[in-house]
Amino acid sequence: MPFSTAGADYMLTQWSANQALYASLHTAYSSSGANELAGGSYARVAATWGTASANAVSLAGTPYTVNVPASTTVAFVGYWTAGSGGTFEGMSALGGATAYGFSAPSSTSTLLAPGTSYSANQTVVVFAPAGTTLPTGLTAGTIYYVKSPSSDSFQLSATFGGSAISLSADGSGIVQAITTEAFSGAGTYQVTAATMNVA
């Protein structure tokens, strides 16, 4: 059964105050904290969080400025218990966009996500929270391109302007816009927003 809002908020409060103490940058999604930036003057930064409410908690004290090595594309923000090493606590997509629940019948290979209004070729990622299973054909954390959006329904493509991905089994999950940033030379990235949820 899902947690009550009070229970979820309590867990998020404890997690954000005691576990998710440092933010990192990553080139690709990982459930284990892999793909973290390295080299140059890159280092994790200390992070603080606001008050958990309505099953969610958001970063506070932003923006956080993180040094980025040259020839790097940043895509995800990770959270850790320590500034070096430590325990990996989770990851969120760059941009801090709202995550929306979706269902996807394989008969149409179309995602139905009430509240969304994505544009063609906008980049998004999908995840499967507890109690959901992604439709066969989609992978958690992979960056996809929106195809044929119509109100709050759309298909996904693996490439910009490419063909729609055919889904071979029904599924559901959450979808979130992602904004990656490519650095040709060394620079800085500002983490301006991120929200973590508990279902």
Protein backbone atom coordinates (compact mmCIF):
# COMPACT_ATOMS: atom_id res chain seq x y z
CA MET A 1 0.00 0.00 0.00
CA PRO A 2 1.21 3.57 -0.56
CA PHE A 3 2.50 5.66 2.32
CA SER A 4 0.28 8.33 3.84
CA THR A 5 1.35 11.89 3.07
CA ALA A 6 2.49 12.32 6.67
CA GLY A 7 4.58 9.16 6.48
CA ALA A 8 6.13 10.11 3.15
CA ASP A 9 6.91 13.62 4.34
CA TYR A 10 8.57 12.27 7.49
CA MET A 11 10.77 9.90 5.48
CA LEU A 12 11.74 12.65 3.05
CA THR A 13 12.57 14.98 5.93
CA GLN A 14 14.87 12.39 7.50
CA TRP A 15 16.45 11.50 4.16
CA SER A 16 17.14 15.08 3.13
CA ALA A 17 18.52 16.07 6.54
CA ASN A 18 20.73 13.02 7.12
CA GLN A 19 21.49 11.28 3.83
CA ALA A 20 21.29 13.55 0.76
CA LEU A 21 23.96 15.96 1.94
CA TYR A 22 26.01 16.47 -1.25
CA ALA A 23 25.10 16.97 -4.90
CA SER A 24 27.06 15.55 -7.83
CA LEU A 25 26.82 15.84 -11.61
CA HIS A 26 26.56 12.90 -14.02
CA THR A 27 26.80 12.39 -17.76
CA ALA A 28 24.12 9.67 -17.85
CA TYR A 29 21.60 7.98 -15.58
CA SER A 30 22.70 5.30 -13.14
CA SER A 31 20.94 3.56 -10.27
CA SER A 32 24.28 3.14 -8.50
CA GLY A 33 25.86 6.59 -8.85
CA ALA A 34 28.06 5.76 -11.85
CA ASN A 35 28.85 8.23 -14.65
CA GLU A 36 29.86 10.96 -12.21
CA LEU A 37 32.03 13.76 -13.60
CA ALA A 38 35.74 13.60 -12.87
CA GLY A 39 38.81 15.68 -13.58
CA GLY A 40 39.64 19.35 -13.65
CA SER A 41 38.33 21.18 -10.59
CA TYR A 42 35.11 19.17 -10.37
CA ALA A 43 33.89 18.37 -6.86
CA ARG A 44 30.55 17.61 -5.23
CA VAL A 45 28.87 20.49 -3.41
CA ALA A 46 27.04 20.52 -0.07
CA ALA A 47 23.26 20.59 -0.49
CA THR A 48 20.34 21.56 1.73
CA TRP A 49 16.64 20.88 1.33
CA GLY A 50 13.39 22.62 2.13
CA THR A 51 10.50 21.29 4.19
CA ALA A 52 8.91 18.10 2.87
CA SER A 53 5.26 18.55 1.90
CA ALA A 54 2.71 16.62 -0.17
CA ASN A 55 5.05 13.63 -0.63
CA ALA A 56 7.89 15.77 -2.04
CA VAL A 57 10.96 17.71 -0.96
CA SER A 58 12.89 20.27 -3.03
CA LEU A 59 16.41 21.65 -2.93
CA ALA A 60 16.84 24.87 -0.95
CA GLY A 61 19.59 27.46 -1.07
CA THR A 62 19.96 27.22 -4.82
CA PRO A 63 21.68 27.87 -7.10
CA TYR A 64 24.58 25.50 -6.39
CA THR A 65 27.58 26.15 -8.63
CA VAL A 66 29.54 23.06 -9.70
CA ASN A 67 32.77 23.10 -11.72
CA VAL A 68 32.57 21.08 -14.95
CA PRO A 69 35.60 19.69 -16.85
CA ALA A 70 36.02 20.37 -20.57
CA SER A 71 34.37 18.11 -23.17
CA THR A 72 31.57 17.06 -20.84
CA THR A 73 27.81 16.83 -21.24
CA VAL A 74 25.90 17.08 -17.96
CA ALA A 75 22.54 15.31 -17.70
CA PHE A 76 21.73 14.30 -14.10
CA VAL A 77 22.23 15.47 -10.52
CA GLY A 78 23.11 12.82 -7.93
CA TYR A 79 22.88 12.90 -4.14
CA TRP A 80 25.33 11.41 -1.63
CA THR A 81 26.02 11.08 2.07
CA ALA A 82 29.56 12.47 1.69
CA GLY A 83 31.61 14.89 -0.38
CA SER A 84 33.82 12.01 -1.53
CA GLY A 85 32.88 8.34 -1.57
CA GLY A 86 29.90 7.82 0.70
CA THR A 87 26.58 6.21 -0.13
CA PHE A 88 24.68 7.06 -3.29
CA GLU A 89 21.14 8.21 -2.48
CA GLY A 90 19.46 8.83 -5.83
CA MET A 91 19.44 10.96 -8.96
CA SER A 92 17.26 13.54 -10.67
CA ALA A 93 17.10 14.88 -14.23
CA LEU A 94 18.73 18.23 -14.99
CA GLY A 95 16.31 21.12 -15.21
CA GLY A 96 14.13 20.29 -12.22
CA ALA A 97 11.02 19.84 -14.40
CA THR A 98 7.78 18.45 -12.99
CA ALA A 99 7.38 14.67 -13.21
CA TYR A 100 4.05 13.35 -14.48
CA GLY A 101 2.48 9.93 -14.21
CA PHE A 102 1.75 8.15 -17.49
CA SER A 103 0.16 5.00 -18.83
CA ALA A 104 1.06 3.46 -22.17
CA PRO A 105 -1.03 0.87 -24.00
CA SER A 106 1.16 -1.11 -26.38
CA SER A 107 -1.66 -1.15 -28.94
CA THR A 108 -0.94 2.49 -29.77
CA SER A 109 2.67 2.90 -28.48
CA THR A 110 1.44 6.24 -27.10
CA LEU A 111 2.08 7.65 -23.63
CA LEU A 112 -0.92 9.22 -21.91
CA ALA A 113 0.35 11.72 -19.34
CA PRO A 114 -2.31 14.12 -17.97
CA GLY A 115 -0.94 17.59 -17.31
CA THR A 116 1.86 17.49 -19.87
CA SER A 117 2.17 19.75 -22.89
CA TYR A 118 5.46 18.71 -24.46
CA SER A 119 6.63 19.93 -27.85
CA ALA A 120 7.98 17.82 -30.71
CA ASN A 121 11.60 16.69 -30.18
CA GLN A 122 11.63 17.88 -26.55
CA THR A 123 13.91 15.63 -24.49
CA VAL A 124 12.40 13.55 -21.68
CA VAL A 125 13.26 10.59 -19.44
CA VAL A 126 11.00 7.91 -17.95
CA PHE A 127 11.20 6.04 -14.65
CA ALA A 128 9.22 3.30 -12.91
CA PRO A 129 8.36 4.18 -9.29
CA ALA A 130 7.31 1.41 -6.91
CA GLY A 131 4.22 -0.38 -8.14
CA THR A 132 4.77 0.43 -11.82
CA THR A 133 6.48 -1.28 -14.73
CA LEU A 134 7.71 0.61 -17.77
CA PRO A 135 6.24 -0.50 -21.11
CA THR A 136 8.50 -2.92 -22.94
CA GLY A 137 10.63 -0.85 -25.31
CA LEU A 138 11.51 1.94 -22.87
CA THR A 139 14.44 2.04 -20.41
CA ALA A 140 14.64 4.04 -17.19
CA GLY A 141 16.89 7.09 -17.43
CA THR A 142 17.41 6.91 -21.20
CA ILE A 143 16.93 10.26 -22.92
CA TYR A 144 14.13 10.16 -25.50
CA TYR A 145 12.64 12.69 -27.92
CA VAL A 146 8.94 13.53 -27.91
CA LYS A 147 7.18 12.63 -31.15
CA SER A 148 3.68 13.58 -32.37
CA PRO A 149 2.52 15.37 -29.22
CA SER A 150 -1.21 16.03 -28.99
CA SER A 151 -2.47 17.65 -25.80
CA ASP A 152 -1.23 15.28 -23.06
CA SER A 153 -0.44 12.27 -25.26
CA PHE A 154 2.69 11.61 -27.30
CA GLN A 155 5.05 8.97 -28.60
CA LEU A 156 8.80 8.70 -28.02
CA SER A 157 11.75 8.37 -30.38
CA ALA A 158 15.32 7.30 -29.67
CA THR A 159 16.66 10.03 -31.97
CA PHE A 160 15.84 13.63 -32.87
CA GLY A 161 13.07 13.50 -35.48
CA GLY A 162 13.31 9.72 -35.63
CA SER A 163 10.60 7.10 -35.85
CA ALA A 164 8.35 6.30 -32.90
CA ILE A 165 9.42 3.50 -30.58
CA SER A 166 7.11 0.50 -30.79
CA LEU A 167 5.99 -0.68 -27.35
CA SER A 168 5.47 -4.43 -27.11
CA ALA A 169 3.78 -4.53 -23.71
CA ASP A 170 1.58 -2.16 -21.70
CA GLY A 171 3.19 -0.19 -18.88
CA SER A 172 3.20 2.92 -16.75
CA GLY A 173 5.58 5.17 -14.84
CA ILE A 174 6.59 8.80 -14.65
CA VAL A 175 7.91 11.05 -17.41
CA GLN A 176 9.99 14.19 -16.91
CA ALA A 177 11.53 16.76 -19.23
CA ILE A 178 15.33 16.91 -19.10
CA THR A 179 17.66 19.68 -20.23
CA THR A 180 21.25 18.56 -20.79
CA GLU A 181 24.15 20.98 -21.13
CA ALA A 182 27.31 20.38 -23.16
CA PHE A 183 30.63 22.01 -22.25
CA SER A 184 33.37 22.24 -24.88
CA GLY A 185 35.72 23.93 -22.43
CA ALA A 186 35.83 23.90 -18.65
CA GLY A 187 32.97 25.82 -17.06
CA THR A 188 30.40 25.83 -14.29
CA TYR A 189 26.88 24.45 -14.04
CA GLN A 190 24.30 25.91 -11.69
CA VAL A 191 21.89 23.46 -10.09
CA THR A 192 18.78 25.61 -9.72
CA ALA A 193 16.05 23.14 -8.84
CA ALA A 194 15.33 19.50 -8.02
CA THR A 195 12.47 17.70 -6.32
CA MET A 196 12.39 14.17 -4.92
CA ASN A 197 9.09 12.34 -4.41
CA VAL A 198 7.76 9.36 -2.50
CA ALA A 199 4.65 7.62 -3.85
